């Protein structure tokens, strides 16, 4: 194994929207967004004095809202 394979993962995906096009021309959407409440709970369990938890939780709320809006609009773009 190379030294790179032994490194711990130092980043986590908080939100991700993937838009894929199939060979037959269909568009597929995949939304992977952390639930802000579960995120907050996990962060508080990890370190309840971490100062960035509220900011990150608010960011997740906003990202989820924006991704949901975008997902609603995408089918309209494809008509």
PDB file of N, CA and C in Angstrom:
ATOM      1  N   UNK A   1       0.824  -1.183   0.000  1.00  0.00           N
ATOM      2  CA  UNK A   1       0.000   0.000   0.000  1.00  0.00           C
ATOM      3  C   UNK A   1       0.872   1.252   0.000  1.00  0.00           C
ATOM      4  N   UNK A   2       0.430   2.226  -0.752  1.00  0.00           N
ATOM      5  CA  UNK A   2       1.162   3.489  -0.761  1.00  0.00           C
ATOM      6  C   UNK A   2       0.793   4.301   0.474  1.00  0.00           C
ATOM      7  N   UNK A   3       1.624   5.255   0.855  1.00  0.00           N
ATOM      8  CA  UNK A   3       1.317   6.109   2.014  1.00  0.00           C
ATOM      9  C   UNK A   3       0.003   6.867   1.852  1.00  0.00           C
ATOM     10  N   UNK A   4      -0.396   7.170   0.620  1.00  0.00           N
ATOM     11  CA  UNK A   4      -1.647   7.885   0.400  1.00  0.00           C
ATOM     12  C   UNK A   4      -2.855   7.044   0.765  1.00  0.00           C
ATOM     13  N   UNK A   5      -2.767   5.741   0.585  1.00  0.00           N
ATOM     14  CA  UNK A   5      -3.887   4.863   0.900  1.00  0.00           C
ATOM     15  C   UNK A   5      -4.092   4.717   2.400  1.00  0.00           C
ATOM     16  N   UNK A   6      -3.069   4.997   3.187  1.00  0.00           N
ATOM     17  CA  UNK A   6      -3.171   4.866   4.635  1.00  0.00           C
ATOM     18  C   UNK A   6      -3.655   6.136   5.316  1.00  0.00           C
ATOM     19  N   UNK A   7      -3.766   7.240   4.582  1.00  0.00           N
ATOM     20  CA  UNK A   7      -4.157   8.503   5.189  1.00  0.00           C
ATOM     21  C   UNK A   7      -5.636   8.483   5.573  1.00  0.00           C
ATOM     22  N   UNK A   8      -5.936   9.114   6.717  1.00  0.00           N
ATOM     23  CA  UNK A   8      -7.313   9.251   7.144  1.00  0.00           C
ATOM     24  C   UNK A   8      -8.009  10.274   6.265  1.00  0.00           C
ATOM     25  N   UNK A   9      -9.284  10.068   6.058  1.00  0.00           N
ATOM     26  CA  UNK A   9     -10.078  11.027   5.303  1.00  0.00           C
ATOM     27  C   UNK A   9     -10.252  12.273   6.171  1.00  0.00           C
ATOM     28  N   UNK A  10      -9.930  13.429   5.625  1.00  0.00           N
ATOM     29  CA  UNK A  10      -9.975  14.658   6.416  1.00  0.00           C
ATOM     30  C   UNK A  10     -11.099  15.586   5.982  1.00  0.00           C
ATOM     31  N   UNK A  11     -11.945  15.125   5.061  1.00  0.00           N
ATOM     32  CA  UNK A  11     -13.060  15.953   4.612  1.00  0.00           C
ATOM     33  C   UNK A  11     -14.327  15.098   4.549  1.00  0.00           C
ATOM     34  N   UNK A  12     -15.448  15.763   4.687  1.00  0.00           N
ATOM     35  CA  UNK A  12     -16.739  15.077   4.601  1.00  0.00           C
ATOM     36  C   UNK A  12     -17.650  15.874   3.675  1.00  0.00           C
ATOM     37  N   UNK A  13     -18.426  15.182   2.887  1.00  0.00           N
ATOM     38  CA  UNK A  13     -19.387  15.837   2.010  1.00  0.00           C
ATOM     39  C   UNK A  13     -20.611  16.211   2.844  1.00  0.00           C
ATOM     40  N   UNK A  14     -20.941  17.489   2.842  1.00  0.00           N
ATOM     41  CA  UNK A  14     -22.114  17.970   3.569  1.00  0.00           C
ATOM     42  C   UNK A  14     -23.348  17.984   2.674  1.00  0.00           C
ATOM     43  N   UNK A  15     -23.153  18.321   1.406  1.00  0.00           N
ATOM     44  CA  UNK A  15     -24.266  18.347   0.452  1.00  0.00           C
ATOM     45  C   UNK A  15     -23.690  18.145  -0.942  1.00  0.00           C
ATOM     46  N   UNK A  16     -24.474  17.459  -1.762  1.00  0.00           N
ATOM     47  CA  UNK A  16     -24.013  17.204  -3.130  1.00  0.00           C
ATOM     48  C   UNK A  16     -25.226  16.983  -4.018  1.00  0.00           C
ATOM     49  N   UNK A  17     -25.238  17.671  -5.156  1.00  0.00           N
ATOM     50  CA  UNK A  17     -26.260  17.462  -6.174  1.00  0.00           C
ATOM     51  C   UNK A  17     -25.547  16.983  -7.423  1.00  0.00           C
ATOM     52  N   UNK A  18     -25.945  15.820  -7.891  1.00  0.00           N
ATOM     53  CA  UNK A  18     -25.344  15.252  -9.090  1.00  0.00           C
ATOM     54  C   UNK A  18     -26.407  15.212 -10.183  1.00  0.00           C
ATOM     55  N   UNK A  19     -26.029  15.694 -11.354  1.00  0.00           N
ATOM     56  CA  UNK A  19     -26.913  15.655 -12.515  1.00  0.00           C
ATOM     57  C   UNK A  19     -26.209  14.809 -13.566  1.00  0.00           C
ATOM     58  N   UNK A  20     -26.866  13.716 -13.963  1.00  0.00           N
ATOM     59  CA  UNK A  20     -26.270  12.783 -14.918  1.00  0.00           C
ATOM     60  C   UNK A  20     -27.150  12.671 -16.161  1.00  0.00           C
ATOM     61  N   UNK A  21     -26.507  12.429 -17.279  1.00  0.00           N
ATOM     62  CA  UNK A  21     -27.195  12.227 -18.545  1.00  0.00           C
ATOM     63  C   UNK A  21     -26.923  10.806 -19.009  1.00  0.00           C
ATOM     64  N   UNK A  22     -27.995  10.064 -19.276  1.00  0.00           N
ATOM     65  CA  UNK A  22     -27.832   8.687 -19.750  1.00  0.00           C
ATOM     66  C   UNK A  22     -27.654   8.672 -21.257  1.00  0.00           C
ATOM     67  N   UNK A  23     -27.260   7.519 -21.777  1.00  0.00           N
ATOM     68  CA  UNK A  23     -27.056   7.377 -23.217  1.00  0.00           C
ATOM     69  C   UNK A  23     -28.349   7.578 -24.008  1.00  0.00           C
ATOM     70  N   UNK A  24     -29.478   7.292 -23.366  1.00  0.00           N
ATOM     71  CA  UNK A  24     -30.749   7.471 -24.073  1.00  0.00           C
ATOM     72  C   UNK A  24     -31.338   8.866 -23.875  1.00  0.00           C
ATOM     73  N   UNK A  25     -30.558   9.784 -23.308  1.00  0.00           N
ATOM     74  CA  UNK A  25     -30.963  11.182 -23.205  1.00  0.00           C
ATOM     75  C   UNK A  25     -31.754  11.556 -21.972  1.00  0.00           C
ATOM     76  N   UNK A  26     -31.883  10.649 -21.032  1.00  0.00           N
ATOM     77  CA  UNK A  26     -32.605  10.965 -19.793  1.00  0.00           C
ATOM     78  C   UNK A  26     -31.666  11.636 -18.801  1.00  0.00           C
ATOM     79  N   UNK A  27     -32.225  12.577 -18.038  1.00  0.00           N
ATOM     80  CA  UNK A  27     -31.465  13.287 -17.009  1.00  0.00           C
ATOM     81  C   UNK A  27     -31.847  12.715 -15.653  1.00  0.00           C
ATOM     82  N   UNK A  28     -30.849  12.409 -14.875  1.00  0.00           N
ATOM     83  CA  UNK A  28     -31.054  11.862 -13.543  1.00  0.00           C
ATOM     84  C   UNK A  28     -30.450  12.806 -12.511  1.00  0.00           C
ATOM     85  N   UNK A  29     -31.197  13.030 -11.436  1.00  0.00           N
ATOM     86  CA  UNK A  29     -30.743  13.891 -10.348  1.00  0.00           C
ATOM     87  C   UNK A  29     -30.539  13.047  -9.103  1.00  0.00           C
ATOM     88  N   UNK A  30     -29.477  13.315  -8.407  1.00  0.00           N
ATOM     89  CA  UNK A  30     -29.233  12.654  -7.129  1.00  0.00           C
ATOM     90  C   UNK A  30     -28.828  13.716  -6.119  1.00  0.00           C
ATOM     91  N   UNK A  31     -29.575  13.766  -5.046  1.00  0.00           N
ATOM     92  CA  UNK A  31     -29.342  14.750  -3.994  1.00  0.00           C
ATOM     93  C   UNK A  31     -28.872  14.028  -2.739  1.00  0.00           C
ATOM     94  N   UNK A  32     -27.689  14.367  -2.296  1.00  0.00           N
ATOM     95  CA  UNK A  32     -27.169  13.815  -1.046  1.00  0.00           C
ATOM     96  C   UNK A  32     -26.897  14.988  -0.111  1.00  0.00           C
ATOM     97  N   UNK A  33     -27.821  15.190   0.806  1.00  0.00           N
ATOM     98  CA  UNK A  33     -27.694  16.298   1.749  1.00  0.00           C
ATOM     99  C   UNK A  33     -27.856  15.759   3.162  1.00  0.00           C
ATOM    100  N   UNK A  34     -26.973  16.150   4.025  1.00  0.00           N
ATOM    101  CA  UNK A  34     -27.102  15.736   5.420  1.00  0.00           C
ATOM    102  C   UNK A  34     -28.306  16.415   6.054  1.00  0.00           C
ATOM    103  N   UNK A  35     -29.017  15.686   6.865  1.00  0.00           N
ATOM    104  CA  UNK A  35     -30.109  16.257   7.633  1.00  0.00           C
ATOM    105  C   UNK A  35     -29.504  17.206   8.675  1.00  0.00           C
ATOM    106  N   UNK A  36     -29.869  18.485   8.652  1.00  0.00           N
ATOM    107  CA  UNK A  36     -29.266  19.443   9.585  1.00  0.00           C
ATOM    108  C   UNK A  36     -29.435  19.055  11.056  1.00  0.00           C
ATOM    109  N   UNK A  37     -30.586  18.474  11.404  1.00  0.00           N
ATOM    110  CA  UNK A  37     -30.812  18.076  12.794  1.00  0.00           C
ATOM    111  C   UNK A  37     -29.866  16.952  13.210  1.00  0.00           C
ATOM    112  N   UNK A  38     -29.709  15.958  12.321  1.00  0.00           N
ATOM    113  CA  UNK A  38     -28.795  14.853  12.628  1.00  0.00           C
ATOM    114  C   UNK A  38     -27.350  15.340  12.683  1.00  0.00           C
ATOM    115  N   UNK A  39     -27.007  16.261  11.777  1.00  0.00           N
ATOM    116  CA  UNK A  39     -25.667  16.844  11.784  1.00  0.00           C
ATOM    117  C   UNK A  39     -25.402  17.544  13.114  1.00  0.00           C
ATOM    118  N   UNK A  40     -26.356  18.369  13.543  1.00  0.00           N
ATOM    119  CA  UNK A  40     -26.207  19.109  14.800  1.00  0.00           C
ATOM    120  C   UNK A  40     -26.024  18.149  15.977  1.00  0.00           C
ATOM    121  N   UNK A  41     -26.830  17.105  15.983  1.00  0.00           N
ATOM    122  CA  UNK A  41     -26.748  16.117  17.058  1.00  0.00           C
ATOM    123  C   UNK A  41     -25.381  15.421  17.059  1.00  0.00           C
ATOM    124  N   UNK A  42     -24.910  15.037  15.884  1.00  0.00           N
ATOM    125  CA  UNK A  42     -23.613  14.359  15.787  1.00  0.00           C
ATOM    126  C   UNK A  42     -22.484  15.293  16.215  1.00  0.00           C
ATOM    127  N   UNK A  43     -22.569  16.552  15.791  1.00  0.00           N
ATOM    128  CA  UNK A  43     -21.525  17.518  16.170  1.00  0.00           C
ATOM    129  C   UNK A  43     -21.528  17.747  17.681  1.00  0.00           C
ATOM    130  N   UNK A  44     -22.711  17.886  18.259  1.00  0.00           N
ATOM    131  CA  UNK A  44     -22.804  18.095  19.706  1.00  0.00           C
ATOM    132  C   UNK A  44     -22.300  16.881  20.479  1.00  0.00           C
ATOM    133  N   UNK A  45     -22.567  15.693  19.963  1.00  0.00           N
ATOM    134  CA  UNK A  45     -22.059  14.474  20.600  1.00  0.00           C
ATOM    135  C   UNK A  45     -20.539  14.396  20.498  1.00  0.00           C
ATOM    136  N   UNK A  46     -19.998  14.874  19.372  1.00  0.00           N
ATOM    137  CA  UNK A  46     -18.550  14.859  19.157  1.00  0.00           C
ATOM    138  C   UNK A  46     -17.852  15.893  20.041  1.00  0.00           C
ATOM    139  N   UNK A  47     -18.369  17.138  20.004  1.00  0.00           N
ATOM    140  CA  UNK A  47     -17.734  18.213  20.761  1.00  0.00           C
ATOM    141  C   UNK A  47     -18.767  19.317  20.944  1.00  0.00           C
ATOM    142  N   UNK A  48     -19.439  19.306  22.083  1.00  0.00           N
ATOM    143  CA  UNK A  48     -20.532  20.263  22.287  1.00  0.00           C
ATOM    144  C   UNK A  48     -20.078  21.700  22.499  1.00  0.00           C
ATOM    145  N   UNK A  49     -18.781  21.935  22.510  1.00  0.00           N
ATOM    146  CA  UNK A  49     -18.282  23.307  22.639  1.00  0.00           C
ATOM    147  C   UNK A  49     -17.693  23.840  21.329  1.00  0.00           C
ATOM    148  N   UNK A  50     -17.778  23.054  20.266  1.00  0.00           N
ATOM    149  CA  UNK A  50     -17.253  23.492  18.974  1.00  0.00           C
ATOM    150  C   UNK A  50     -18.052  24.695  18.488  1.00  0.00           C
ATOM    151  N   UNK A  51     -17.378  25.788  18.211  1.00  0.00           N
ATOM    152  CA  UNK A  51     -18.041  27.055  17.891  1.00  0.00           C
ATOM    153  C   UNK A  51     -18.673  27.089  16.500  1.00  0.00           C
ATOM    154  N   UNK A  52     -18.247  26.229  15.600  1.00  0.00           N
ATOM    155  CA  UNK A  52     -18.751  26.286  14.235  1.00  0.00           C
ATOM    156  C   UNK A  52     -20.011  25.485  13.972  1.00  0.00           C
ATOM    157  N   UNK A  53     -20.507  24.785  14.975  1.00  0.00           N
ATOM    158  CA  UNK A  53     -21.653  23.901  14.753  1.00  0.00           C
ATOM    159  C   UNK A  53     -22.887  24.644  14.267  1.00  0.00           C
ATOM    160  N   UNK A  54     -23.249  25.729  14.910  1.00  0.00           N
ATOM    161  CA  UNK A  54     -24.448  26.468  14.518  1.00  0.00           C
ATOM    162  C   UNK A  54     -24.316  27.032  13.104  1.00  0.00           C
ATOM    163  N   UNK A  55     -23.154  27.567  12.782  1.00  0.00           N
ATOM    164  CA  UNK A  55     -22.924  28.107  11.440  1.00  0.00           C
ATOM    165  C   UNK A  55     -23.053  27.021  10.388  1.00  0.00           C
ATOM    166  N   UNK A  56     -22.456  25.872  10.632  1.00  0.00           N
ATOM    167  CA  UNK A  56     -22.524  24.763   9.682  1.00  0.00           C
ATOM    168  C   UNK A  56     -23.946  24.209   9.565  1.00  0.00           C
ATOM    169  N   UNK A  57     -24.658  24.162  10.672  1.00  0.00           N
ATOM    170  CA  UNK A  57     -26.048  23.695  10.646  1.00  0.00           C
ATOM    171  C   UNK A  57     -26.907  24.643   9.822  1.00  0.00           C
ATOM    172  N   UNK A  58     -26.704  25.942   9.991  1.00  0.00           N
ATOM    173  CA  UNK A  58     -27.435  26.926   9.188  1.00  0.00           C
ATOM    174  C   UNK A  58     -27.079  26.804   7.713  1.00  0.00           C
ATOM    175  N   UNK A  59     -25.811  26.554   7.423  1.00  0.00           N
ATOM    176  CA  UNK A  59     -25.382  26.346   6.046  1.00  0.00           C
ATOM    177  C   UNK A  59     -26.107  25.147   5.434  1.00  0.00           C
ATOM    178  N   UNK A  60     -26.205  24.059   6.187  1.00  0.00           N
ATOM    179  CA  UNK A  60     -26.905  22.870   5.692  1.00  0.00           C
ATOM    180  C   UNK A  60     -28.378  23.152   5.420  1.00  0.00           C
ATOM    181  N   UNK A  61     -29.020  23.929   6.296  1.00  0.00           N
ATOM    182  CA  UNK A  61     -30.418  24.311   6.057  1.00  0.00           C
ATOM    183  C   UNK A  61     -30.541  25.071   4.734  1.00  0.00           C
ATOM    184  N   UNK A  62     -29.655  26.017   4.510  1.00  0.00           N
ATOM    185  CA  UNK A  62     -29.697  26.820   3.285  1.00  0.00           C
ATOM    186  C   UNK A  62     -29.394  25.976   2.045  1.00  0.00           C
ATOM    187  N   UNK A  63     -28.389  25.127   2.131  1.00  0.00           N
ATOM    188  CA  UNK A  63     -28.050  24.270   1.004  1.00  0.00           C
ATOM    189  C   UNK A  63     -29.208  23.346   0.650  1.00  0.00           C
ATOM    190  N   UNK A  64     -29.828  22.756   1.656  1.00  0.00           N
ATOM    191  CA  UNK A  64     -30.967  21.870   1.427  1.00  0.00           C
ATOM    192  C   UNK A  64     -32.091  22.641   0.755  1.00  0.00           C
ATOM    193  N   UNK A  65     -32.392  23.835   1.228  1.00  0.00           N
ATOM    194  CA  UNK A  65     -33.459  24.653   0.651  1.00  0.00           C
ATOM    195  C   UNK A  65     -33.164  24.981  -0.814  1.00  0.00           C
ATOM    196  N   UNK A  66     -31.937  25.410  -1.081  1.00  0.00           N
ATOM    197  CA  UNK A  66     -31.554  25.785  -2.448  1.00  0.00           C
ATOM    198  C   UNK A  66     -31.541  24.583  -3.391  1.00  0.00           C
ATOM    199  N   UNK A  67     -31.047  23.453  -2.922  1.00  0.00           N
ATOM    200  CA  UNK A  67     -31.023  22.244  -3.757  1.00  0.00           C
ATOM    201  C   UNK A  67     -32.452  21.779  -4.040  1.00  0.00           C
ATOM    202  N   UNK A  68     -33.330  21.839  -3.038  1.00  0.00           N
ATOM    203  CA  UNK A  68     -34.729  21.459  -3.254  1.00  0.00           C
ATOM    204  C   UNK A  68     -35.382  22.368  -4.299  1.00  0.00           C
ATOM    205  N   UNK A  69     -35.127  23.662  -4.221  1.00  0.00           N
ATOM    206  CA  UNK A  69     -35.671  24.603  -5.209  1.00  0.00           C
ATOM    207  C   UNK A  69     -35.141  24.292  -6.606  1.00  0.00           C
ATOM    208  N   UNK A  70     -33.861  24.031  -6.693  1.00  0.00           N
ATOM    209  CA  UNK A  70     -33.252  23.722  -7.976  1.00  0.00           C
ATOM    210  C   UNK A  70     -33.819  22.426  -8.556  1.00  0.00           C
ATOM    211  N   UNK A  71     -34.004  21.440  -7.709  1.00  0.00           N
ATOM    212  CA  UNK A  71     -34.567  20.169  -8.182  1.00  0.00           C
ATOM    213  C   UNK A  71     -35.990  20.352  -8.714  1.00  0.00           C
ATOM    214  N   UNK A  72     -36.732  21.268  -8.117  1.00  0.00           N
ATOM    215  CA  UNK A  72     -38.070  21.556  -8.610  1.00  0.00           C
ATOM    216  C   UNK A  72     -38.043  22.255  -9.966  1.00  0.00           C
ATOM    217  N   UNK A  73     -37.019  23.073 -10.197  1.00  0.00           N
ATOM    218  CA  UNK A  73     -36.916  23.854 -11.440  1.00  0.00           C
ATOM    219  C   UNK A  73     -36.337  23.056 -12.604  1.00  0.00           C
ATOM    220  N   UNK A  74     -35.467  22.122 -12.329  1.00  0.00           N
ATOM    221  CA  UNK A  74     -34.761  21.399 -13.406  1.00  0.00           C
ATOM    222  C   UNK A  74     -35.734  20.758 -14.403  1.00  0.00           C
ATOM    223  N   UNK A  75     -36.790  20.065 -13.961  1.00  0.00           N
ATOM    224  CA  UNK A  75     -37.713  19.488 -14.955  1.00  0.00           C
ATOM    225  C   UNK A  75     -38.329  20.552 -15.885  1.00  0.00           C
ATOM    226  N   UNK A  76     -38.552  21.755 -15.364  1.00  0.00           N
ATOM    227  CA  UNK A  76     -39.096  22.821 -16.198  1.00  0.00           C
ATOM    228  C   UNK A  76     -38.117  23.239 -17.275  1.00  0.00           C
ATOM    229  N   UNK A  77     -36.815  23.200 -16.980  1.00  0.00           N
ATOM    230  CA  UNK A  77     -35.796  23.542 -17.960  1.00  0.00           C
ATOM    231  C   UNK A  77     -35.736  22.517 -19.096  1.00  0.00           C
ATOM    232  N   UNK A  78     -36.117  21.291 -18.793  1.00  0.00           N
ATOM    233  CA  UNK A  78     -35.968  20.191 -19.746  1.00  0.00           C
ATOM    234  C   UNK A  78     -37.171  20.000 -20.658  1.00  0.00           C
ATOM    235  N   UNK A  79     -38.229  20.777 -20.438  1.00  0.00           N
ATOM    236  CA  UNK A  79     -39.444  20.638 -21.276  1.00  0.00           C
ATOM    237  C   UNK A  79     -39.264  21.304 -22.613  1.00  0.00           C
TER     238      UNK A  79
END
